[in-house]
Amino acid sequence: MRVDSGNQGQRVSNPSPSSSPFIQGERQRRLAFGGLCSLAGSVVAATIALWPHISCAITLSRGDILKIGKRVWQNECNGTISGLTAWNQGEDFASLGIGHFIWYPKGRRGPFEESFPKLVSFISKRGAKLPTLLLTSGEQPCPWNSRAEFLQAQHTPEMNQLRQFLVDTIDLQAEFLIARLEGALPKMLNEAATADRANVQQQFQRLERTPQGCFALVDYVNFKGEGVLHTERYQGQGWGLLQVLEAMHGTSDAGAVDEFARAAKATLIRRVHNSPAERHESRWLSGWIRRVNSYSGG
């Protein structure tokens, strides 16, 4: 990711718990995304062998990075500080930060990609101070072994330090999300069927050319993943960004975000229909649909 030189080398001042615009009612307005991003994707070579080498680079100002972070924070956590440390009922992992990055306890693994240790590594390399809980070398498992343990620790010094760390690094968490999007296109093209690859790239490019479309890509790839992991399937069908792009076939940039929202809604409805009954995923569907509808303002 390239940062616009206007504020090169400067950290963005993140909101404190008392001054956060989200805590002060940010959820009442939609952040402006004029000039949000400019993505540059390589042209797809005719030979399949060149597909994995395709990449895209995103250029954003520091202000736009923070805007993305705040809006993802709103979508995942309702813009609340308490929402930065969560463990949802029925899940086997903690969900932390603006993107509710997954953190599994020791010896526990599930079908969903673990992302919190990668986030911590990314932030550490950027020079941010880590809380004591995260200072041990190498990737470490979530120290709470169950949702009950996690909830009991809500007001401990360790949890308070972790929560403050997540408040203080909103911009770096947003950079991590954007970096993930940069790496998503080549992985999706590598996973897609040969006949679908040109369409997947075309749909990605339709979206990245508009500010609202760019945000939709960043948010959805964090929300439901790239769609390339075979462990993230129910009845053989995925629900990530790849599956949404495969369901799109339009050509107009002007209609891209609306089509993306419709395709995402259908993909998520299919996921819930295919999901194991014991997960009770229908309880989350209305919130998921509100989220993807917000991409187009619908």
Foldseek 3Di string as FASTA:
>chain_A
DAAPPPQPPDADFFDDQVGHVLVVPPVVDQDDCVVLWDKDWDDDDPDPVCLLVIWIDIYGYLVSLLSLLQVLLCLQQVSHLLSQWADDPLDQFIQHASLRATFHAPPDDALDDHCPQVLVVQVVVVPDDDPPVPPDPDRHGDPQRGRVSSVVCCPPPRNVRRSRSRSRCSSSVSVVLVVQLRNLLSLLLNQDDPVQNVQLVQLLVLQSVDRLSVSLSSNQCSVFNSQRRQSQDFPRDHQGPSQLSSPDDDRHSVCSLVSSLVSNLVSVVVCCVRDDVVSVCVVCNVSSSVVSCVSVPD
